[in-house]
Amino acid sequence: MSYFLTADGGTESLRARVYDLSGQELGSVAVPYETRFSAGARAEQNPADWWAAFVTATRGAIAQAGVDPALIEAITYATTCCSVVALDRNGHALRPALIWMDVRASDEAKAVLETGDPALCLNGGGRGPVSAEWMIPKALWLKRNEPAIFEAAFRICEYQDFLTYHLTGEWAASLDNVGLRWHYRNDAGGWPKSLVTSLGLAELLEKWPPRVVAPGEIVGTLCSSAARELGLKPSVKVVQGGADALIGMIGLGVSQPGQLALITGSSHLQFGVTEAPLNAPGVWGSYADIVYPGRYVVEGGQTSSGSVINWLGRLTGGLDYAELNAKAAALEPGAEGLIVQDHFQGNRTPYTDPLSRGAFVGLTLAHEKHHIFRAIMEGIGFGTRAILDAFGRAGYVSSEMTVGGGAAASDLWLQIHADTAGIPVRVPASRDAPSTGSAVLAAYGAGHFSSIDDGIAAMVRPGRVIEPIAANVARYEPIYARYLALYPALKEVLA
């Protein structure tokens, strides 16, 4: 028997899972860790907590699975992207990590965008934005505000790379992470040398890991200390993973040109696979080879989706989801005239406007909580449709959408997305897409499949398909047009 260990290093915890070669999950344990928030939009974690969680969760998942640890062949992990660490030569953190949601580097992000460097073509065709979440703004913040830490750092890298070093003793970055958020271009010279040089950050190139390893490729095997801590053989292969949402594409089975993944949670991420490069306003990317060799990924995103539902719950003292779903499902499309603009934290794509805001339009005294609940879901669905339309204008069209994440548990949410987009929505049997994707990569890296595509065919189980309801699709068209009219109208009001 062959078994594979995966880890999903998230914002609140690290979850380890054990899979077999059929893609069946056999054991799963999560270990939480602390995030420290402070003024200035700062969010930090202790990298030592990541490693401690990895060790504890790994041992727990293997024990729960009831498998012989000697039969674990390979390890792959997906982690939060843009969780930046400054490390010494021994891989010890010189300061807490600036995790993905830390946006203290907003001034530095503006400085990056103002360079006008050709590497910025990946950001809306050069129009931006550049996020304070990303690697280069955070590294620039360190140099400007903590120069002693920046100077002392032997490596400035990410959560993913920290785990890789402690597992293997190798300094290697994932092509997935660097291609997505470090402005690395696998199809155009690699590292963004002119960009970092223009920012006075040329030395950063020497602080980044010297190897770039694509997802599914072997980084190395377990070093002796990691093998002892994990209770595994030193011969276990460590196979490169990447950013959780992108590795989630593999777990959803989205691999062929024209296929589209919708990763749901507090926000929405849309990732499409293309066979040729594509750069256009309103579209992020395309990113070369970051998940599948020889293919590109285009990106869209909504900053607020599930978080808007959570906001409604906080505002009203909690939500009875069963009752709300039943009442909201009984309403006709349009929530009796109520339309929601979903930009509660600004708009990521297609407008790329951080100053845009959420809005409820058409409220009457007859509207109740379930109207608001449905209108929020419809507004988020319209936001996804606007991104798909931007993709279409750029030349990328998908005939279906595969969904993973928390929202995939709601039949109403899925049906609204199918109806507002006008295309079928697929939901695989397992919604734990980053872990399933990691298992596919581990098995591929261990030599069980000739390609990642073959691994997907063997290990990702199909689930169900939600077809759009033709009558609802037609009803949503004029409502969607009114939704689109909100942004330019409200932009003037909010200016």
Protein backbone atom coordinates (compact mmCIF):
# COMPACT_ATOMS: atom_id res chain seq x y z
CA MET A 1 0.00 0.00 0.00
CA SER A 2 1.06 3.58 -0.67
CA TYR A 3 0.08 6.50 1.52
CA PHE A 4 0.63 10.22 1.25
CA LEU A 5 0.77 12.94 3.87
CA THR A 6 -0.61 16.41 3.16
CA ALA A 7 -0.82 19.60 5.15
CA ASP A 8 -3.03 22.64 4.66
CA GLY A 9 -1.42 25.57 6.47
CA GLY A 10 -4.25 28.06 6.84
CA THR A 11 -4.82 31.33 8.63
CA GLU A 12 -6.03 29.80 11.89
CA SER A 13 -4.56 26.30 11.92
CA LEU A 14 -2.58 23.64 10.11
CA ARG A 15 -4.46 20.48 9.16
CA ALA A 16 -2.59 17.29 8.24
CA ARG A 17 -4.32 14.53 6.31
CA VAL A 18 -3.38 11.03 5.14
CA TYR A 19 -4.57 9.76 1.74
CA ASP A 20 -4.29 6.53 -0.17
CA LEU A 21 -3.65 6.16 -3.89
CA SER A 22 -7.36 6.28 -4.72
CA GLY A 23 -7.71 9.73 -3.13
CA GLN A 24 -9.49 8.45 -0.05
CA GLU A 25 -8.85 10.47 3.11
CA LEU A 26 -7.92 8.16 5.99
CA GLY A 27 -7.00 10.52 8.83
CA SER A 28 -7.23 14.23 9.56
CA VAL A 29 -6.04 16.36 12.49
CA ALA A 30 -5.91 20.15 12.83
CA VAL A 31 -3.74 22.10 15.25
CA PRO A 32 -4.49 25.81 15.81
CA TYR A 33 -1.98 28.62 16.20
CA GLU A 34 -2.21 32.22 17.26
CA THR A 35 -2.43 35.32 15.08
CA ARG A 36 -1.48 38.58 16.73
CA PHE A 37 -3.22 41.69 15.44
CA SER A 38 -2.15 45.25 16.12
CA ALA A 39 -2.81 48.78 14.92
CA GLY A 40 -1.85 49.65 11.39
CA ALA A 41 -3.58 46.64 9.78
CA ARG A 42 -0.87 44.31 11.11
CA ALA A 43 -1.28 40.56 11.47
CA GLU A 44 1.63 38.35 12.58
CA GLN A 45 2.31 34.71 13.41
CA ASN A 46 5.26 32.91 14.95
CA PRO A 47 6.79 30.57 12.34
CA ALA A 48 7.89 28.22 15.12
CA ASP A 49 4.17 27.63 15.73
CA TRP A 50 3.77 26.48 12.14
CA TRP A 51 6.41 23.82 12.58
CA ALA A 52 5.08 22.69 15.95
CA ALA A 53 1.60 22.41 14.45
CA PHE A 54 2.97 20.45 11.47
CA VAL A 55 4.65 17.91 13.73
CA THR A 56 1.66 17.47 16.06
CA ALA A 57 -0.91 17.31 13.27
CA THR A 58 1.20 14.87 11.24
CA ARG A 59 1.62 12.42 14.09
CA GLY A 60 -2.08 12.72 14.94
CA ALA A 61 -3.31 12.19 11.39
CA ILE A 62 -1.11 9.12 10.86
CA ALA A 63 -2.31 7.65 14.15
CA GLN A 64 -5.93 8.35 13.27
CA ALA A 65 -5.47 6.77 9.84
CA GLY A 66 -4.10 3.63 11.47
CA VAL A 67 -1.41 3.18 8.84
CA ASP A 68 2.19 2.12 9.29
CA PRO A 69 4.28 5.33 9.17
CA ALA A 70 6.88 3.39 7.17
CA LEU A 71 4.36 3.27 4.29
CA ILE A 72 4.16 7.06 3.92
CA GLU A 73 5.88 7.69 0.57
CA ALA A 74 5.64 11.44 0.05
CA ILE A 75 4.58 14.75 1.63
CA THR A 76 3.06 17.78 -0.08
CA TYR A 77 1.58 20.87 1.55
CA ALA A 78 -0.41 23.94 0.58
CA THR A 79 -0.13 27.10 2.65
CA THR A 80 -1.41 30.63 2.82
CA CYS A 81 0.26 32.77 0.19
CA CYS A 82 2.12 36.01 1.00
CA SER A 83 2.92 35.02 4.59
CA VAL A 84 6.43 36.49 4.52
CA VAL A 85 9.26 35.40 6.83
CA ALA A 86 12.79 36.72 7.48
CA LEU A 87 15.07 33.83 8.45
CA ASP A 88 18.67 33.31 9.54
CA ARG A 89 21.00 30.68 8.02
CA ASN A 90 19.49 27.98 10.22
CA GLY A 91 15.91 28.74 9.25
CA HIS A 92 15.02 30.52 12.49
CA ALA A 93 12.75 33.53 12.27
CA LEU A 94 14.31 36.90 13.03
CA ARG A 95 10.87 38.39 13.68
CA PRO A 96 7.25 37.25 13.51
CA ALA A 97 5.92 36.53 10.02
CA LEU A 98 3.87 39.16 8.22
CA ILE A 99 0.97 36.93 7.18
CA TRP A 100 -1.13 37.41 4.09
CA MET A 101 -3.73 39.68 5.73
CA ASP A 102 -1.07 42.08 7.04
CA VAL A 103 -1.35 45.17 4.84
CA ARG A 104 0.98 47.58 6.62
CA ALA A 105 2.99 47.90 3.40
CA SER A 106 0.39 50.02 1.58
CA ASP A 107 2.87 52.84 0.84
CA GLU A 108 5.35 50.30 -0.46
CA ALA A 109 2.68 48.77 -2.71
CA LYS A 110 2.11 52.20 -4.25
CA ALA A 111 5.86 52.55 -4.79
CA VAL A 112 5.92 49.22 -6.63
CA LEU A 113 3.07 50.25 -8.92
CA GLU A 114 4.65 53.64 -9.60
CA THR A 115 7.74 52.00 -11.10
CA GLY A 116 5.71 51.09 -14.18
CA ASP A 117 7.98 48.08 -14.59
CA PRO A 118 7.10 45.59 -17.35
CA ALA A 119 6.67 42.87 -14.71
CA LEU A 120 3.45 44.66 -13.67
CA CYS A 121 1.75 43.46 -16.85
CA LEU A 122 0.49 40.59 -14.69
CA ASN A 123 -1.64 43.06 -12.73
CA GLY A 124 -4.55 44.08 -14.92
CA GLY A 125 -2.33 44.55 -17.95
CA GLY A 126 -0.14 46.97 -16.00
CA ARG A 127 -2.96 49.07 -14.54
CA GLY A 128 -2.66 47.48 -11.12
CA PRO A 129 -3.28 47.12 -8.36
CA VAL A 130 -0.28 45.96 -6.42
CA SER A 131 -1.41 44.62 -3.08
CA ALA A 132 0.25 45.38 0.25
CA GLU A 133 -0.17 41.65 0.94
CA TRP A 134 2.49 40.62 -1.58
CA MET A 135 6.14 39.72 -1.22
CA ILE A 136 7.90 42.74 -2.73
CA PRO A 137 5.93 45.43 -0.83
CA LYS A 138 6.49 43.55 2.44
CA ALA A 139 10.21 43.12 1.76
CA LEU A 140 10.46 46.83 0.95
CA TRP A 141 8.65 47.64 4.21
CA LEU A 142 11.20 45.57 6.12
CA LYS A 143 14.09 47.40 4.51
CA ARG A 144 12.56 50.81 5.17
CA ASN A 145 11.30 50.20 8.71
CA GLU A 146 13.44 47.39 10.14
CA PRO A 147 16.72 47.72 8.24
CA ALA A 148 18.70 45.68 10.78
CA ILE A 149 16.32 42.73 10.34
CA PHE A 150 16.41 43.08 6.57
CA GLU A 151 20.20 43.20 6.54
CA ALA A 152 20.55 40.23 8.88
CA ALA A 153 18.09 38.04 6.96
CA PHE A 154 19.77 35.20 5.10
CA ARG A 155 16.46 34.32 3.47
CA ILE A 156 13.26 36.30 2.94
CA CYS A 157 10.63 33.84 1.79
CA GLU A 158 7.19 32.42 2.61
CA TYR A 159 5.39 29.97 4.90
CA GLN A 160 5.73 27.32 2.17
CA ASP A 161 9.51 27.75 1.95
CA PHE A 162 9.93 27.76 5.74
CA LEU A 163 8.33 24.31 5.94
CA THR A 164 10.41 23.09 3.00
CA TYR A 165 13.66 24.08 4.71
CA HIS A 166 12.72 22.47 8.01
CA LEU A 167 11.64 19.28 6.26
CA THR A 168 14.58 18.93 3.87
CA GLY A 169 17.33 21.40 4.75
CA GLU A 170 16.90 22.76 1.20
CA TRP A 171 16.24 26.40 0.31
CA ALA A 172 13.63 26.24 -2.44
CA ALA A 173 10.67 28.38 -3.42
CA SER A 174 7.51 27.15 -5.12
CA LEU A 175 7.02 28.28 -8.71
CA ASP A 176 3.37 28.57 -7.76
CA ASN A 177 3.94 31.21 -5.08
CA VAL A 178 6.66 33.18 -6.85
CA GLY A 179 4.76 33.21 -10.14
CA LEU A 180 1.56 34.30 -8.44
CA ARG A 181 2.77 36.98 -6.02
CA TRP A 182 6.54 37.64 -6.42
CA HIS A 183 6.31 38.83 -10.04
CA TYR A 184 8.41 35.88 -11.18
CA ARG A 185 7.76 35.08 -14.86
CA ASN A 186 8.65 31.58 -15.91
CA ASP A 187 8.04 32.51 -19.55
CA ALA A 188 9.96 35.82 -19.51
CA GLY A 189 13.30 35.70 -17.74
CA GLY A 190 12.35 34.58 -14.24
CA TRP A 191 13.02 37.00 -11.39
CA PRO A 192 11.82 40.64 -11.72
CA LYS A 193 15.34 42.06 -11.58
CA SER A 194 14.56 45.49 -13.01
CA LEU A 195 11.58 45.91 -10.67
CA VAL A 196 13.47 45.21 -7.44
CA THR A 197 16.50 47.19 -8.64
CA SER A 198 14.38 50.26 -9.35
CA LEU A 199 13.08 50.03 -5.77
CA GLY A 200 16.59 49.88 -4.28
CA LEU A 201 16.02 46.22 -3.39
CA ALA A 202 18.58 44.51 -5.61
CA GLU A 203 20.00 42.58 -2.63
CA LEU A 204 16.60 40.89 -2.21
CA LEU A 205 17.45 38.69 -5.17
CA GLU A 206 20.22 37.10 -3.07
CA LYS A 207 17.92 36.68 -0.08
CA TRP A 208 15.28 34.77 -2.01
CA PRO A 209 15.68 30.95 -2.21
CA PRO A 210 18.10 30.03 -5.01
CA ARG A 211 15.93 27.18 -6.35
CA VAL A 212 12.47 27.52 -7.87
CA VAL A 213 10.63 24.19 -7.92
CA ALA A 214 7.35 23.59 -9.75
CA PRO A 215 4.38 21.91 -8.04
CA GLY A 216 4.71 18.14 -8.26
CA GLU A 217 8.50 18.16 -8.53
CA ILE A 218 10.62 16.59 -5.78
CA VAL A 219 12.44 19.09 -3.57
CA GLY A 220 14.32 16.42 -1.66
CA THR A 221 13.82 13.87 1.09
CA LEU A 222 13.33 14.32 4.81
CA CYS A 223 16.39 15.47 6.71
CA SER A 224 17.28 13.32 9.70
CA SER A 225 15.96 15.77 12.32
CA ALA A 226 12.59 16.16 10.59
CA ALA A 227 12.27 12.39 10.15
CA ARG A 228 12.83 11.88 13.87
CA GLU A 229 10.31 14.54 14.89
CA LEU A 230 7.66 13.26 12.49
CA GLY A 231 8.29 9.56 13.13
CA LEU A 232 8.87 8.92 9.42
CA LYS A 233 11.61 7.38 7.28
CA PRO A 234 14.30 9.74 5.94
CA SER A 235 13.53 8.40 2.46
CA VAL A 236 10.10 10.09 2.39
CA LYS A 237 9.96 12.41 -0.61
CA VAL A 238 9.04 16.07 -0.12
CA VAL A 239 7.11 17.14 -3.20
CA GLN A 240 6.55 20.81 -3.97
CA GLY A 241 3.13 22.28 -3.30
CA GLY A 242 2.15 25.93 -3.30
CA ALA A 243 -0.50 28.49 -2.45
CA ASP A 244 -3.62 26.92 -0.99
CA ALA A 245 -6.10 28.30 -3.54
CA LEU A 246 -3.97 27.32 -6.53
CA ILE A 247 -3.28 23.81 -5.27
CA GLY A 248 -7.04 23.73 -4.72
CA MET A 249 -7.47 23.90 -8.50
CA ILE A 250 -5.90 20.44 -8.69
CA GLY A 251 -8.17 19.16 -5.93
CA LEU A 252 -11.18 20.45 -7.87
CA GLY A 253 -10.00 18.76 -11.06
CA VAL A 254 -9.66 22.06 -12.93
CA SER A 255 -6.73 21.46 -15.25
CA GLN A 256 -7.71 21.87 -18.90
CA PRO A 257 -7.88 25.08 -20.95
CA GLY A 258 -11.33 26.61 -20.61
CA GLN A 259 -12.00 25.11 -17.18
CA LEU A 260 -12.71 27.51 -14.31
CA ALA A 261 -12.31 27.15 -10.53
CA LEU A 262 -14.23 29.20 -7.99
CA ILE A 263 -12.60 29.01 -4.55
CA THR A 264 -15.01 30.29 -1.90
CA GLY A 265 -14.59 31.42 1.67
CA SER A 266 -14.46 34.87 3.19
CA SER A 267 -13.65 36.01 -0.34
CA HIS A 268 -14.01 34.56 -3.84
CA LEU A 269 -11.14 33.63 -6.14
CA GLN A 270 -11.70 32.72 -9.78
CA PHE A 271 -8.93 30.87 -11.63
CA GLY A 272 -9.11 29.82 -15.26
CA VAL A 273 -6.73 27.64 -17.26
CA THR A 274 -5.54 28.87 -20.65
CA GLU A 275 -3.15 27.46 -23.24
CA ALA A 276 -1.74 30.86 -24.23
CA PRO A 277 -0.72 34.00 -22.30
CA LEU A 278 -3.45 36.54 -21.70
CA ASN A 279 -3.02 39.99 -20.14
CA ALA A 280 -5.89 42.46 -20.08
CA PRO A 281 -7.55 45.15 -17.96
CA GLY A 282 -9.82 43.64 -15.34
CA VAL A 283 -7.89 40.34 -15.36
CA TRP A 284 -4.90 39.32 -13.26
CA GLY A 285 -2.24 37.11 -14.81
CA SER A 286 -1.75 35.19 -16.87
CA TYR A 287 0.75 33.20 -14.86
CA ALA A 288 2.94 30.70 -16.72
CA ASP A 289 3.33 27.10 -15.49
CA ILE A 290 2.40 27.90 -11.88
CA VAL A 291 0.14 24.84 -11.54
CA TYR A 292 0.43 22.86 -14.77
CA PRO A 293 3.48 22.85 -17.07
CA GLY A 294 2.80 24.44 -20.44
CA ARG A 295 -0.43 26.12 -19.30
CA TYR A 296 -1.33 29.55 -17.95
CA VAL A 297 -3.68 30.67 -15.20
CA VAL A 298 -5.83 33.81 -15.27
CA GLU A 299 -7.21 35.23 -12.03
CA GLY A 300 -10.13 37.24 -10.76
CA GLY A 301 -11.27 37.94 -7.24
CA GLN A 302 -13.92 39.41 -4.97
CA THR A 303 -12.66 40.78 -1.67
CA SER A 304 -15.96 40.23 0.13
CA SER A 305 -18.24 37.23 -0.29
CA GLY A 306 -18.73 34.89 2.65
CA SER A 307 -17.51 37.71 4.87
CA VAL A 308 -20.63 39.71 3.92
CA ILE A 309 -22.85 36.90 5.20
CA ASN A 310 -20.77 36.85 8.40
CA TRP A 311 -21.21 40.64 8.64
CA LEU A 312 -24.99 40.21 8.44
CA GLY A 313 -24.82 37.68 11.26
CA ARG A 314 -22.80 40.00 13.49
CA LEU A 315 -25.12 42.89 12.74
CA THR A 316 -28.28 40.97 13.58
CA GLY A 317 -27.06 38.91 16.51
CA GLY A 318 -26.70 35.64 14.62
CA LEU A 319 -28.33 33.82 11.73
CA ASP A 320 -30.58 30.77 11.68
CA TYR A 321 -29.23 29.46 8.38
CA ALA A 322 -31.80 26.69 7.97
CA GLU A 323 -34.70 29.11 8.32
CA LEU A 324 -33.07 31.85 6.24
CA ASN A 325 -32.18 29.46 3.42
CA ALA A 326 -35.73 28.10 3.31
CA LYS A 327 -37.33 31.55 3.23
CA ALA A 328 -34.77 32.99 0.80
CA ALA A 329 -35.17 30.01 -1.55
CA ALA A 330 -38.91 30.65 -1.70
CA LEU A 331 -38.34 34.17 -3.08
CA GLU A 332 -38.26 34.92 -6.78
CA PRO A 333 -34.95 36.08 -8.31
CA GLY A 334 -34.36 39.71 -7.44
CA ALA A 335 -35.33 39.58 -3.74
CA GLU A 336 -38.38 41.74 -4.44
CA GLY A 337 -36.44 44.68 -5.87
CA LEU A 338 -33.43 44.65 -3.53
CA ILE A 339 -29.96 44.81 -5.14
CA VAL A 340 -26.64 44.60 -3.29
CA GLN A 341 -23.28 45.89 -4.49
CA ASP A 342 -20.81 43.43 -2.97
CA HIS A 343 -17.80 45.77 -2.62
CA PHE A 344 -17.74 45.81 1.19
CA GLN A 345 -13.91 45.88 1.19
CA GLY A 346 -13.47 47.48 -2.20
CA ASN A 347 -13.36 45.77 -5.58
CA ARG A 348 -10.47 43.58 -6.62
CA THR A 349 -11.56 42.75 -10.17
CA PRO A 350 -12.77 43.78 -12.67
CA TYR A 351 -12.72 47.43 -11.50
CA THR A 352 -9.67 47.28 -9.23
CA ASP A 353 -11.04 49.99 -6.98
CA PRO A 354 -10.11 49.70 -3.29
CA LEU A 355 -12.30 52.73 -2.47
CA SER A 356 -15.54 51.27 -3.79
CA ARG A 357 -18.00 50.23 -1.09
CA GLY A 358 -20.95 47.96 -0.52
CA ALA A 359 -24.49 49.20 -0.96
CA PHE A 360 -28.11 48.10 -0.58
CA VAL A 361 -30.41 49.67 -3.16
CA GLY A 362 -34.19 49.34 -3.27
CA LEU A 363 -34.88 48.73 0.42
CA THR A 364 -38.49 49.05 1.56
CA LEU A 365 -40.26 48.52 4.86
CA ALA A 366 -41.58 45.23 3.46
CA HIS A 367 -38.11 43.71 3.21
CA GLU A 368 -37.12 41.24 5.91
CA LYS A 369 -33.89 39.52 6.87
CA HIS A 370 -34.31 36.72 4.33
CA HIS A 371 -34.66 39.29 1.53
CA ILE A 372 -31.36 40.84 2.57
CA PHE A 373 -29.79 37.38 2.87
CA ARG A 374 -30.81 36.41 -0.67
CA ALA A 375 -29.90 39.81 -2.12
CA ILE A 376 -26.38 39.51 -0.67
CA MET A 377 -25.93 36.12 -2.34
CA GLU A 378 -27.28 37.48 -5.60
CA GLY A 379 -24.95 40.50 -5.41
CA ILE A 380 -21.98 38.18 -4.89
CA GLY A 381 -23.20 36.07 -7.83
CA PHE A 382 -23.40 39.20 -9.98
CA GLY A 383 -19.86 40.11 -8.88
CA THR A 384 -18.67 36.71 -10.11
CA ARG A 385 -20.59 37.23 -13.37
CA ALA A 386 -18.85 40.61 -13.86
CA ILE A 387 -15.48 38.86 -13.53
CA LEU A 388 -16.49 36.15 -16.00
CA ASP A 389 -17.60 38.88 -18.42
CA ALA A 390 -14.18 40.57 -18.04
CA PHE A 391 -12.56 37.22 -18.77
CA GLY A 392 -14.74 36.93 -21.85
CA ARG A 393 -13.80 40.36 -23.15
CA ALA A 394 -10.15 39.34 -22.77
CA GLY A 395 -10.77 36.18 -24.78
CA TYR A 396 -11.25 33.57 -22.05
CA VAL A 397 -14.64 31.82 -21.89
CA SER A 398 -15.63 28.87 -19.72
CA SER A 399 -18.71 26.73 -20.15
CA GLU A 400 -18.83 25.61 -16.50
CA MET A 401 -17.54 26.53 -13.04
CA THR A 402 -16.17 24.10 -10.44
CA VAL A 403 -16.66 25.25 -6.86
CA GLY A 404 -14.78 24.44 -3.67
CA GLY A 405 -14.79 25.87 -0.17
CA GLY A 406 -17.43 26.65 2.42
CA ALA A 407 -20.07 28.01 0.06
CA ALA A 408 -20.22 24.64 -1.72
CA ALA A 409 -22.24 23.35 1.26
CA SER A 410 -25.19 25.67 0.45
CA ASP A 411 -27.57 24.50 -2.28
CA LEU A 412 -29.11 27.97 -2.55
CA TRP A 413 -25.73 29.67 -2.91
CA LEU A 414 -24.72 27.21 -5.64
CA GLN A 415 -27.99 27.58 -7.54
CA ILE A 416 -27.77 31.39 -7.45
CA HIS A 417 -24.21 31.21 -8.83
CA ALA A 418 -25.36 28.88 -11.62
CA ASP A 419 -28.32 31.12 -12.47
CA THR A 420 -26.49 34.47 -12.34
CA ALA A 421 -23.55 33.13 -14.38
CA GLY A 422 -25.76 31.11 -16.71
CA ILE A 423 -23.47 28.07 -16.63
CA PRO A 424 -23.43 24.74 -14.76
CA VAL A 425 -21.70 24.58 -11.39
CA ARG A 426 -19.76 21.43 -10.49
CA VAL A 427 -18.97 20.35 -6.92
CA PRO A 428 -16.48 17.47 -6.47
CA ALA A 429 -17.12 14.80 -3.86
CA SER A 430 -14.46 16.33 -1.57
CA ARG A 431 -14.59 20.06 -0.85
CA ASP A 432 -11.14 19.98 0.82
CA ALA A 433 -9.56 21.00 -2.45
CA PRO A 434 -6.08 22.13 -1.25
CA SER A 435 -5.52 18.85 0.61
CA THR A 436 -6.84 16.71 -2.23
CA GLY A 437 -4.66 18.65 -4.66
CA SER A 438 -1.65 18.12 -2.41
CA ALA A 439 -2.37 14.38 -2.33
CA VAL A 440 -2.43 14.29 -6.14
CA LEU A 441 0.92 16.11 -6.28
CA ALA A 442 2.45 13.80 -3.67
CA ALA A 443 1.39 10.70 -5.60
CA TYR A 444 2.60 12.20 -8.88
CA GLY A 445 5.93 13.20 -7.36
CA ALA A 446 6.33 9.71 -5.91
CA GLY A 447 6.10 8.30 -9.42
CA HIS A 448 2.62 6.75 -9.41
CA PHE A 449 1.32 8.86 -12.31
CA SER A 450 2.93 10.11 -15.49
CA SER A 451 1.27 13.53 -15.18
CA ILE A 452 -0.73 15.64 -12.76
CA ASP A 453 -3.70 15.16 -15.10
CA ASP A 454 -3.47 11.38 -14.64
CA GLY A 455 -3.37 11.90 -10.88
CA ILE A 456 -6.51 14.01 -11.03
CA ALA A 457 -8.30 11.33 -13.06
CA ALA A 458 -7.43 8.69 -10.45
CA MET A 459 -7.81 10.62 -7.19
CA VAL A 460 -10.38 13.43 -7.62
CA ARG A 461 -13.87 12.01 -7.35
CA PRO A 462 -16.71 13.66 -9.26
CA GLY A 463 -19.60 14.94 -7.20
CA ARG A 464 -22.71 16.71 -8.41
CA VAL A 465 -23.66 19.25 -11.05
CA ILE A 466 -26.04 22.15 -10.47
CA GLU A 467 -27.59 23.19 -13.76
CA PRO A 468 -28.79 26.77 -14.26
CA ILE A 469 -32.58 27.16 -14.31
CA ALA A 470 -33.41 28.73 -17.66
CA ALA A 471 -36.26 30.86 -16.32
CA ASN A 472 -34.06 32.26 -13.55
CA VAL A 473 -31.22 33.00 -15.97
CA ALA A 474 -33.61 35.10 -18.05
CA ARG A 475 -35.01 36.90 -14.99
CA TYR A 476 -31.53 37.79 -13.76
CA GLU A 477 -30.44 39.49 -16.99
CA PRO A 478 -32.21 42.86 -16.40
CA ILE A 479 -31.34 42.73 -12.68
CA TYR A 480 -27.69 42.15 -13.55
CA ALA A 481 -27.80 45.18 -15.85
CA ARG A 482 -29.03 47.29 -12.92
CA TYR A 483 -26.29 45.82 -10.72
CA LEU A 484 -23.68 46.89 -13.27
CA ALA A 485 -25.13 50.41 -13.30
CA LEU A 486 -24.56 50.75 -9.56
CA TYR A 487 -20.77 50.95 -9.71
CA PRO A 488 -20.41 54.05 -11.90
CA ALA A 489 -23.34 55.74 -10.15
CA LEU A 490 -22.03 55.09 -6.64
CA LYS A 491 -18.47 55.93 -7.63
CA GLU A 492 -19.56 59.53 -8.06
CA VAL A 493 -21.35 59.54 -4.70
CA LEU A 494 -18.42 57.97 -2.84
CA ALA A 495 -15.72 60.09 -4.48
